[in-house]
Amino acid sequence: MPDSGLTDALLIKLFHQGQTDNEIASAYYITKQAVSKRRLKLGLERKPVSQQVNAGLAHRWTVWSPQEGTGHHNRHSAKALRAWLRWRLGDTSLSKQQLHLAQAWAEGLRERGEVLCYNPDLEEGWYYRPRRESDGRRVIDWPEDIPFPDEKFKRALDLPPAPHKESV
């Protein structure tokens, strides 16, 4: 890309600003493949939202995943939590079933006034407990002494405010 005007420093800046390869390619009249190849050469990887979710949850828990067989990561609650977070973080690749799972799961948490917890020593691993004031609107328990990966992930853990019901 010698004549495109896109320097390594500029590509790094645009990448960190969240521009897609397509957007960068269009702006500099080059192919998406050229941008992708150069970006990878610079060590800049695009991470799907599901990887963000897994990395974010790893700040809170190490979920039991055996070499063979089914671990806690495949339980219904874990799948629902991951689908919820992917949806809240803007993942447009969720299937209709995953989106329904996420929304129904979160609505159930709201209705029951619960949060999701994890204990690797329990057979099922995942369990629910009553929501405490300190939980705010979070869907999982997150101790105050554990930092969140970032503000966007922290916000994704929150249920939206409850809809106001008008009295008749």
N, C-alpha and C. Protein backbone atom coordinates (compact mmCIF):
# COMPACT_ATOMS: atom_id res chain seq x y z
N MET A 1 0.82 -1.18 0.00
CA MET A 1 0.00 0.00 0.00
C MET A 1 0.87 1.25 0.00
N PRO A 2 1.87 1.31 -0.83
CA PRO A 2 2.80 2.43 -0.76
C PRO A 2 2.17 3.78 -1.08
N ASP A 3 1.21 3.87 -1.99
CA ASP A 3 0.68 5.16 -2.40
C ASP A 3 -0.69 5.46 -1.81
N SER A 4 -1.19 4.63 -0.93
CA SER A 4 -2.55 4.84 -0.41
C SER A 4 -2.61 5.95 0.63
N GLY A 5 -1.48 6.26 1.25
CA GLY A 5 -1.49 7.25 2.32
C GLY A 5 -1.78 6.64 3.69
N LEU A 6 -2.03 5.35 3.71
CA LEU A 6 -2.31 4.67 4.98
C LEU A 6 -1.01 4.15 5.56
N THR A 7 -0.51 4.84 6.57
CA THR A 7 0.72 4.41 7.23
C THR A 7 0.39 3.39 8.30
N ASP A 8 1.40 2.71 8.81
CA ASP A 8 1.19 1.76 9.91
C ASP A 8 0.59 2.48 11.11
N ALA A 9 1.14 3.66 11.43
CA ALA A 9 0.65 4.41 12.59
C ALA A 9 -0.81 4.78 12.41
N LEU A 10 -1.20 5.18 11.22
CA LEU A 10 -2.59 5.55 10.96
C LEU A 10 -3.50 4.33 11.02
N LEU A 11 -3.04 3.21 10.47
CA LEU A 11 -3.83 1.98 10.54
C LEU A 11 -4.05 1.57 11.99
N ILE A 12 -3.03 1.66 12.81
CA ILE A 12 -3.16 1.32 14.22
C ILE A 12 -4.17 2.24 14.90
N LYS A 13 -4.08 3.53 14.59
CA LYS A 13 -5.02 4.50 15.18
C LYS A 13 -6.45 4.19 14.77
N LEU A 14 -6.68 3.96 13.48
CA LEU A 14 -8.03 3.67 12.99
C LEU A 14 -8.58 2.37 13.57
N PHE A 15 -7.71 1.39 13.71
CA PHE A 15 -8.10 0.11 14.31
C PHE A 15 -8.58 0.34 15.73
N HIS A 16 -7.83 1.08 16.51
CA HIS A 16 -8.19 1.33 17.91
C HIS A 16 -9.39 2.25 18.06
N GLN A 17 -9.71 2.98 17.00
CA GLN A 17 -10.93 3.79 17.01
C GLN A 17 -12.16 2.95 16.65
N GLY A 18 -11.92 1.70 16.29
CA GLY A 18 -13.02 0.79 16.00
C GLY A 18 -13.46 0.73 14.56
N GLN A 19 -12.70 1.33 13.65
CA GLN A 19 -13.07 1.27 12.24
C GLN A 19 -12.86 -0.14 11.70
N THR A 20 -13.78 -0.57 10.86
CA THR A 20 -13.68 -1.91 10.27
C THR A 20 -12.68 -1.88 9.11
N ASP A 21 -12.27 -3.06 8.69
CA ASP A 21 -11.38 -3.17 7.53
C ASP A 21 -12.06 -2.57 6.30
N ASN A 22 -13.36 -2.80 6.14
CA ASN A 22 -14.09 -2.24 5.00
C ASN A 22 -14.07 -0.72 5.01
N GLU A 23 -14.30 -0.13 6.18
CA GLU A 23 -14.30 1.33 6.29
C GLU A 23 -12.93 1.91 5.95
N ILE A 24 -11.88 1.29 6.45
CA ILE A 24 -10.52 1.76 6.19
C ILE A 24 -10.19 1.61 4.70
N ALA A 25 -10.55 0.46 4.14
CA ALA A 25 -10.27 0.20 2.72
C ALA A 25 -10.98 1.23 1.84
N SER A 26 -12.23 1.51 2.15
CA SER A 26 -12.98 2.49 1.36
C SER A 26 -12.37 3.88 1.45
N ALA A 27 -11.96 4.27 2.64
CA ALA A 27 -11.40 5.61 2.84
C ALA A 27 -10.08 5.80 2.11
N TYR A 28 -9.30 4.72 1.95
CA TYR A 28 -7.97 4.84 1.33
C TYR A 28 -7.89 4.18 -0.05
N TYR A 29 -9.07 3.82 -0.61
CA TYR A 29 -9.16 3.27 -1.96
C TYR A 29 -8.26 2.05 -2.16
N ILE A 30 -8.31 1.16 -1.19
CA ILE A 30 -7.56 -0.09 -1.26
C ILE A 30 -8.51 -1.24 -0.94
N THR A 31 -8.06 -2.46 -1.12
CA THR A 31 -8.94 -3.60 -0.86
C THR A 31 -9.00 -3.92 0.63
N LYS A 32 -10.11 -4.52 0.99
CA LYS A 32 -10.28 -5.00 2.37
C LYS A 32 -9.19 -6.01 2.71
N GLN A 33 -8.84 -6.85 1.75
CA GLN A 33 -7.81 -7.87 1.97
C GLN A 33 -6.46 -7.23 2.25
N ALA A 34 -6.15 -6.14 1.57
CA ALA A 34 -4.87 -5.45 1.81
C ALA A 34 -4.83 -4.89 3.23
N VAL A 35 -5.94 -4.33 3.67
CA VAL A 35 -6.02 -3.80 5.04
C VAL A 35 -5.86 -4.94 6.04
N SER A 36 -6.59 -6.02 5.82
CA SER A 36 -6.55 -7.16 6.73
C SER A 36 -5.14 -7.75 6.83
N LYS A 37 -4.51 -7.94 5.70
CA LYS A 37 -3.15 -8.52 5.68
C LYS A 37 -2.18 -7.63 6.45
N ARG A 38 -2.26 -6.34 6.21
CA ARG A 38 -1.35 -5.42 6.90
C ARG A 38 -1.65 -5.33 8.39
N ARG A 39 -2.93 -5.31 8.73
CA ARG A 39 -3.34 -5.27 10.13
C ARG A 39 -2.83 -6.49 10.88
N LEU A 40 -2.97 -7.66 10.30
CA LEU A 40 -2.49 -8.89 10.94
C LEU A 40 -0.97 -8.88 11.07
N LYS A 41 -0.29 -8.34 10.07
CA LYS A 41 1.17 -8.23 10.12
C LYS A 41 1.61 -7.35 11.29
N LEU A 42 0.77 -6.36 11.61
CA LEU A 42 1.05 -5.47 12.75
C LEU A 42 0.61 -6.08 14.08
N GLY A 43 0.03 -7.27 14.03
CA GLY A 43 -0.40 -7.94 15.25
C GLY A 43 -1.74 -7.45 15.77
N LEU A 44 -2.54 -6.83 14.92
CA LEU A 44 -3.84 -6.31 15.32
C LEU A 44 -4.92 -7.30 14.89
N GLU A 45 -5.52 -7.98 15.86
CA GLU A 45 -6.54 -8.98 15.56
C GLU A 45 -7.92 -8.46 15.89
N ARG A 46 -8.85 -8.75 15.01
CA ARG A 46 -10.26 -8.45 15.29
C ARG A 46 -10.78 -9.60 16.14
N LYS A 47 -11.37 -9.27 17.26
CA LYS A 47 -11.91 -10.31 18.13
C LYS A 47 -13.42 -10.27 18.09
N PRO A 48 -14.03 -11.38 17.75
CA PRO A 48 -15.49 -11.40 17.76
C PRO A 48 -16.01 -11.14 19.17
N VAL A 49 -17.24 -10.74 19.22
CA VAL A 49 -17.86 -10.40 20.50
C VAL A 49 -17.83 -11.59 21.45
N SER A 50 -17.97 -12.80 20.92
CA SER A 50 -17.95 -13.98 21.80
C SER A 50 -16.62 -14.11 22.53
N GLN A 51 -15.52 -13.72 21.88
CA GLN A 51 -14.23 -13.75 22.56
C GLN A 51 -14.16 -12.67 23.64
N GLN A 52 -14.78 -11.51 23.39
CA GLN A 52 -14.84 -10.46 24.40
C GLN A 52 -15.62 -10.95 25.61
N VAL A 53 -16.72 -11.65 25.36
CA VAL A 53 -17.55 -12.17 26.44
C VAL A 53 -16.76 -13.16 27.28
N ASN A 54 -16.12 -14.12 26.62
CA ASN A 54 -15.35 -15.13 27.36
C ASN A 54 -14.21 -14.50 28.16
N ALA A 55 -13.52 -13.54 27.55
CA ALA A 55 -12.43 -12.86 28.25
C ALA A 55 -12.97 -12.06 29.43
N GLY A 56 -14.10 -11.40 29.23
CA GLY A 56 -14.70 -10.62 30.31
C GLY A 56 -15.13 -11.48 31.48
N LEU A 57 -15.76 -12.60 31.18
CA LEU A 57 -16.21 -13.50 32.25
C LEU A 57 -15.03 -14.15 32.97
N ALA A 58 -13.92 -14.30 32.26
CA ALA A 58 -12.71 -14.87 32.89
C ALA A 58 -12.16 -13.96 33.97
N HIS A 59 -12.51 -12.67 33.93
CA HIS A 59 -12.12 -11.77 35.02
C HIS A 59 -12.82 -12.15 36.32
N ARG A 60 -13.99 -12.77 36.19
CA ARG A 60 -14.80 -13.12 37.36
C ARG A 60 -14.64 -14.57 37.78
N TRP A 61 -14.65 -15.48 36.82
CA TRP A 61 -14.65 -16.90 37.12
C TRP A 61 -13.71 -17.68 36.20
N THR A 62 -13.21 -18.79 36.72
CA THR A 62 -12.59 -19.82 35.90
C THR A 62 -13.61 -20.95 35.86
N VAL A 63 -14.25 -21.12 34.73
CA VAL A 63 -15.33 -22.09 34.61
C VAL A 63 -14.75 -23.45 34.25
N TRP A 64 -15.19 -24.46 34.97
CA TRP A 64 -14.69 -25.82 34.80
C TRP A 64 -15.03 -26.34 33.41
N SER A 65 -13.99 -26.71 32.66
CA SER A 65 -14.12 -27.25 31.31
C SER A 65 -13.16 -28.42 31.18
N PRO A 66 -13.65 -29.66 31.31
CA PRO A 66 -12.76 -30.82 31.22
C PRO A 66 -12.24 -31.03 29.80
N GLN A 67 -11.15 -31.77 29.70
CA GLN A 67 -10.59 -32.10 28.38
C GLN A 67 -11.61 -32.86 27.53
N GLU A 68 -12.35 -33.75 28.18
CA GLU A 68 -13.37 -34.54 27.48
C GLU A 68 -14.67 -34.44 28.26
N GLY A 69 -15.77 -34.55 27.55
CA GLY A 69 -17.07 -34.51 28.20
C GLY A 69 -17.58 -33.08 28.33
N THR A 70 -18.66 -32.95 29.08
CA THR A 70 -19.33 -31.66 29.22
C THR A 70 -18.97 -31.03 30.55
N GLY A 71 -18.51 -29.82 30.49
CA GLY A 71 -18.18 -29.07 31.69
C GLY A 71 -19.27 -28.07 32.01
N HIS A 72 -18.99 -27.22 32.96
CA HIS A 72 -19.95 -26.21 33.38
C HIS A 72 -20.20 -25.16 32.30
N HIS A 73 -19.24 -24.97 31.41
CA HIS A 73 -19.39 -23.95 30.37
C HIS A 73 -20.52 -24.26 29.40
N ASN A 74 -20.99 -25.51 29.36
CA ASN A 74 -22.07 -25.89 28.44
C ASN A 74 -23.43 -25.96 29.12
N ARG A 75 -23.52 -25.61 30.36
CA ARG A 75 -24.81 -25.63 31.06
C ARG A 75 -25.71 -24.53 30.52
N HIS A 76 -26.99 -24.73 30.68
CA HIS A 76 -27.98 -23.78 30.17
C HIS A 76 -27.72 -22.36 30.67
N SER A 77 -27.46 -22.20 31.95
CA SER A 77 -27.25 -20.87 32.51
C SER A 77 -26.04 -20.18 31.88
N ALA A 78 -24.98 -20.94 31.64
CA ALA A 78 -23.78 -20.37 31.02
C ALA A 78 -24.05 -19.95 29.59
N LYS A 79 -24.80 -20.77 28.86
CA LYS A 79 -25.14 -20.43 27.48
C LYS A 79 -26.02 -19.18 27.43
N ALA A 80 -26.98 -19.11 28.36
CA ALA A 80 -27.87 -17.95 28.40
C ALA A 80 -27.09 -16.69 28.75
N LEU A 81 -26.20 -16.78 29.71
CA LEU A 81 -25.38 -15.62 30.10
C LEU A 81 -24.52 -15.15 28.93
N ARG A 82 -23.86 -16.07 28.26
CA ARG A 82 -23.02 -15.68 27.12
C ARG A 82 -23.85 -15.06 26.00
N ALA A 83 -25.03 -15.64 25.72
CA ALA A 83 -25.90 -15.07 24.68
C ALA A 83 -26.36 -13.67 25.09
N TRP A 84 -26.72 -13.49 26.36
CA TRP A 84 -27.14 -12.18 26.86
C TRP A 84 -26.03 -11.15 26.67
N LEU A 85 -24.82 -11.50 27.08
CA LEU A 85 -23.71 -10.56 26.95
C LEU A 85 -23.38 -10.27 25.50
N ARG A 86 -23.41 -11.27 24.65
CA ARG A 86 -23.15 -11.03 23.23
C ARG A 86 -24.18 -10.06 22.66
N TRP A 87 -25.45 -10.24 23.02
CA TRP A 87 -26.51 -9.36 22.54
C TRP A 87 -26.29 -7.94 23.06
N ARG A 88 -25.97 -7.82 24.36
CA ARG A 88 -25.78 -6.50 24.97
C ARG A 88 -24.55 -5.78 24.41
N LEU A 89 -23.57 -6.55 23.94
CA LEU A 89 -22.35 -5.96 23.37
C LEU A 89 -22.47 -5.72 21.86
N GLY A 90 -23.67 -5.97 21.33
CA GLY A 90 -23.92 -5.62 19.93
C GLY A 90 -23.61 -6.69 18.91
N ASP A 91 -23.52 -7.95 19.31
CA ASP A 91 -23.23 -9.02 18.37
C ASP A 91 -24.45 -9.26 17.48
N THR A 92 -24.31 -8.98 16.21
CA THR A 92 -25.41 -9.15 15.27
C THR A 92 -25.46 -10.55 14.66
N SER A 93 -24.55 -11.42 15.08
CA SER A 93 -24.53 -12.77 14.51
C SER A 93 -25.30 -13.78 15.35
N LEU A 94 -25.99 -13.34 16.40
CA LEU A 94 -26.79 -14.26 17.21
C LEU A 94 -27.94 -14.83 16.38
N SER A 95 -28.21 -16.11 16.57
CA SER A 95 -29.37 -16.71 15.91
C SER A 95 -30.64 -16.25 16.63
N LYS A 96 -31.79 -16.47 16.02
CA LYS A 96 -33.07 -16.13 16.67
C LYS A 96 -33.22 -16.90 17.98
N GLN A 97 -32.77 -18.15 17.99
CA GLN A 97 -32.87 -18.97 19.19
C GLN A 97 -31.98 -18.41 20.30
N GLN A 98 -30.78 -17.99 19.96
CA GLN A 98 -29.87 -17.43 20.96
C GLN A 98 -30.43 -16.11 21.51
N LEU A 99 -30.98 -15.29 20.64
CA LEU A 99 -31.55 -14.03 21.08
C LEU A 99 -32.74 -14.27 21.99
N HIS A 100 -33.59 -15.21 21.62
CA HIS A 100 -34.74 -15.55 22.47
C HIS A 100 -34.27 -16.09 23.83
N LEU A 101 -33.28 -16.96 23.81
CA LEU A 101 -32.73 -17.51 25.05
C LEU A 101 -32.24 -16.37 25.96
N ALA A 102 -31.48 -15.45 25.39
CA ALA A 102 -30.91 -14.35 26.16
C ALA A 102 -32.01 -13.48 26.79
N GLN A 103 -32.98 -13.12 25.99
CA GLN A 103 -34.03 -12.23 26.47
C GLN A 103 -34.94 -12.91 27.49
N ALA A 104 -35.29 -14.17 27.24
CA ALA A 104 -36.14 -14.90 28.19
C ALA A 104 -35.40 -15.13 29.50
N TRP A 105 -34.12 -15.43 29.42
CA TRP A 105 -33.32 -15.66 30.63
C TRP A 105 -33.26 -14.39 31.48
N ALA A 106 -32.98 -13.27 30.85
CA ALA A 106 -32.88 -12.01 31.58
C ALA A 106 -34.22 -11.61 32.18
N GLU A 107 -35.30 -11.82 31.43
CA GLU A 107 -36.63 -11.49 31.96
C GLU A 107 -36.94 -12.37 33.17
N GLY A 108 -36.54 -13.64 33.12
CA GLY A 108 -36.73 -14.53 34.26
C GLY A 108 -35.96 -14.04 35.48
N LEU A 109 -34.73 -13.58 35.28
CA LEU A 109 -33.95 -13.02 36.40
C LEU A 109 -34.68 -11.83 37.02
N ARG A 110 -35.19 -10.96 36.15
CA ARG A 110 -35.90 -9.78 36.63
C ARG A 110 -37.14 -10.18 37.44
N GLU A 111 -37.93 -11.08 36.87
CA GLU A 111 -39.18 -11.50 37.52
C GLU A 111 -38.93 -12.17 38.86
N ARG A 112 -37.89 -12.99 38.92
CA ARG A 112 -37.60 -13.73 40.16
C ARG A 112 -36.74 -12.92 41.13
N GLY A 113 -36.17 -11.81 40.66
CA GLY A 113 -35.30 -11.00 41.52
C GLY A 113 -34.03 -11.74 41.91
N GLU A 114 -33.39 -12.37 40.91
CA GLU A 114 -32.21 -13.19 41.17
C GLU A 114 -31.01 -12.72 40.35
N VAL A 115 -29.85 -13.22 40.75
CA VAL A 115 -28.62 -13.08 39.97
C VAL A 115 -27.99 -14.46 39.82
N LEU A 116 -27.21 -14.62 38.77
CA LEU A 116 -26.53 -15.89 38.50
C LEU A 116 -25.19 -15.91 39.24
N CYS A 117 -24.89 -17.04 39.85
CA CYS A 117 -23.63 -17.25 40.57
C CYS A 117 -22.97 -18.53 40.06
N TYR A 118 -21.70 -18.67 40.36
CA TYR A 118 -20.98 -19.86 39.93
C TYR A 118 -20.09 -20.37 41.04
N ASN A 119 -20.09 -21.69 41.23
CA ASN A 119 -19.21 -22.35 42.18
C ASN A 119 -18.72 -23.64 41.53
N PRO A 120 -17.44 -23.72 41.18
CA PRO A 120 -16.94 -24.90 40.47
C PRO A 120 -17.03 -26.18 41.29
N ASP A 121 -17.22 -26.06 42.59
CA ASP A 121 -17.32 -27.25 43.44
C ASP A 121 -18.70 -27.89 43.43
N LEU A 122 -19.68 -27.19 42.91
CA LEU A 122 -21.03 -27.74 42.81
C LEU A 122 -21.15 -28.57 41.54
N GLU A 123 -21.94 -29.63 41.60
CA GLU A 123 -22.08 -30.50 40.43
C GLU A 123 -22.56 -29.73 39.20
N GLU A 124 -23.57 -28.90 39.36
CA GLU A 124 -24.09 -28.11 38.24
C GLU A 124 -23.24 -26.88 37.98
N GLY A 125 -22.52 -26.42 39.02
CA GLY A 125 -21.67 -25.24 38.87
C GLY A 125 -22.43 -23.94 39.06
N TRP A 126 -23.49 -23.77 38.29
CA TRP A 126 -24.26 -22.52 38.29
C TRP A 126 -25.44 -22.61 39.23
N TYR A 127 -25.74 -21.51 39.89
CA TYR A 127 -26.93 -21.44 40.75
C TYR A 127 -27.39 -19.98 40.81
N TYR A 128 -28.60 -19.80 41.30
CA TYR A 128 -29.17 -18.46 41.42
C TYR A 128 -29.37 -18.13 42.89
N ARG A 129 -29.22 -16.86 43.21
CA ARG A 129 -29.50 -16.39 44.57
C ARG A 129 -30.31 -15.11 44.47
N PRO A 130 -31.02 -14.76 45.54
CA PRO A 130 -31.80 -13.52 45.52
C PRO A 130 -30.90 -12.30 45.29
N ARG A 131 -31.42 -11.36 44.52
CA ARG A 131 -30.69 -10.12 44.24
C ARG A 131 -30.56 -9.31 45.53
N ARG A 132 -29.37 -8.75 45.71
CA ARG A 132 -29.10 -7.86 46.84
C ARG A 132 -29.03 -6.42 46.34
N GLU A 133 -29.17 -5.48 47.23
CA GLU A 133 -29.07 -4.08 46.83
C GLU A 133 -27.72 -3.79 46.17
N SER A 134 -26.66 -4.43 46.67
CA SER A 134 -25.32 -4.19 46.13
C SER A 134 -25.15 -4.73 44.70
N ASP A 135 -26.06 -5.60 44.25
CA ASP A 135 -25.99 -6.14 42.89
C ASP A 135 -26.44 -5.12 41.85
N GLY A 136 -27.21 -4.14 42.29
CA GLY A 136 -27.78 -3.21 41.33
C GLY A 136 -28.62 -3.96 40.32
N ARG A 137 -28.40 -3.70 39.03
CA ARG A 137 -29.15 -4.40 37.98
C ARG A 137 -28.32 -5.49 37.30
N ARG A 138 -27.14 -5.82 37.86
CA ARG A 138 -26.28 -6.84 37.23
C ARG A 138 -26.98 -8.20 37.18
N VAL A 139 -26.67 -8.97 36.15
CA VAL A 139 -27.26 -10.30 35.98
C VAL A 139 -26.47 -11.36 36.72
N ILE A 140 -25.23 -11.04 37.11
CA ILE A 140 -24.41 -12.00 37.85
C ILE A 140 -23.89 -11.33 39.12
N ASP A 141 -23.43 -12.16 40.06
CA ASP A 141 -22.79 -11.57 41.24
C ASP A 141 -21.36 -11.19 40.85
N TRP A 142 -20.96 -10.00 41.24
CA TRP A 142 -19.61 -9.51 40.91
C TRP A 142 -19.11 -8.78 42.14
N PRO A 143 -18.20 -9.39 42.89
CA PRO A 143 -17.70 -8.76 44.11
C PRO A 143 -17.03 -7.41 43.84
N GLU A 144 -17.14 -6.51 44.79
CA GLU A 144 -16.58 -5.17 44.64
C GLU A 144 -15.07 -5.18 44.49
N ASP A 145 -14.39 -6.20 45.01
CA ASP A 145 -12.92 -6.22 44.95
C ASP A 145 -12.35 -6.76 43.64
N ILE A 146 -13.22 -7.17 42.72
CA ILE A 146 -12.76 -7.65 41.42
C ILE A 146 -13.08 -6.57 40.38
N PRO A 147 -12.06 -6.04 39.71
CA PRO A 147 -12.32 -4.99 38.71
C PRO A 147 -13.00 -5.55 37.47
N PHE A 148 -13.80 -4.72 36.84
CA PHE A 148 -14.43 -5.10 35.58
C PHE A 148 -13.40 -4.94 34.46
N PRO A 149 -13.52 -5.74 33.40
CA PRO A 149 -12.58 -5.62 32.27
C PRO A 149 -12.60 -4.21 31.68
N ASP A 150 -13.79 -3.65 31.52
CA ASP A 150 -13.93 -2.28 31.02
C ASP A 150 -15.37 -1.83 31.28
N GLU A 151 -15.64 -0.55 31.05
CA GLU A 151 -16.96 0.01 31.31
C GLU A 151 -18.04 -0.56 30.40
N LYS A 152 -17.70 -0.83 29.16
CA LYS A 152 -18.67 -1.39 28.23
C LYS A 152 -19.14 -2.77 28.70
N PHE A 153 -18.20 -3.58 29.14
CA PHE A 153 -18.56 -4.91 29.64
C PHE A 153 -19.39 -4.78 30.92
N LYS A 154 -19.01 -3.86 31.78
CA LYS A 154 -19.75 -3.64 33.03
C LYS A 154 -21.20 -3.27 32.73
N ARG A 155 -21.41 -2.36 31.77
CA ARG A 155 -22.77 -1.96 31.39
C ARG A 155 -23.54 -3.11 30.78
N ALA A 156 -22.85 -3.98 30.04
CA ALA A 156 -23.52 -5.11 29.40
C ALA A 156 -24.06 -6.10 30.43
N LEU A 157 -23.48 -6.11 31.61
CA LEU A 157 -23.94 -7.00 32.68
C LEU A 157 -25.24 -6.54 33.33
N ASP A 158 -25.67 -5.33 33.02
CA ASP A 158 -26.87 -4.77 33.66
C ASP A 158 -28.13 -5.08 32.87
N LEU A 159 -29.18 -5.42 33.63
CA LEU A 159 -30.50 -5.49 33.02
C LEU A 159 -30.92 -4.06 32.68
N PRO A 160 -31.63 -3.88 31.58
CA PRO A 160 -32.15 -2.54 31.31
C PRO A 160 -33.13 -2.14 32.43
N PRO A 161 -33.34 -0.85 32.62
CA PRO A 161 -34.31 -0.46 33.64
C PRO A 161 -35.66 -1.13 33.39
N ALA A 162 -36.34 -1.46 34.46
CA ALA A 162 -37.65 -2.12 34.34
C ALA A 162 -38.63 -1.17 33.67
N PRO A 163 -39.44 -1.69 32.76
CA PRO A 163 -40.44 -0.83 32.13
C PRO A 163 -41.46 -0.38 33.17
N HIS A 164 -41.88 0.87 33.05
CA HIS A 164 -42.88 1.39 33.98
C HIS A 164 -44.25 0.89 33.57
N LYS A 165 -44.98 0.36 34.53
CA LYS A 165 -46.32 -0.12 34.26
C LYS A 165 -47.30 0.95 34.72
N GLU A 166 -48.15 1.34 33.79
CA GLU A 166 -49.14 2.35 34.13
C GLU A 166 -50.29 1.70 34.86
N SER A 167 -50.75 2.37 35.91
CA SER A 167 -51.90 1.85 36.63
C SER A 167 -53.17 2.36 35.96
N VAL A 168 -54.15 1.50 35.94
CA VAL A 168 -55.40 1.82 35.25
C VAL A 168 -56.44 2.22 36.24
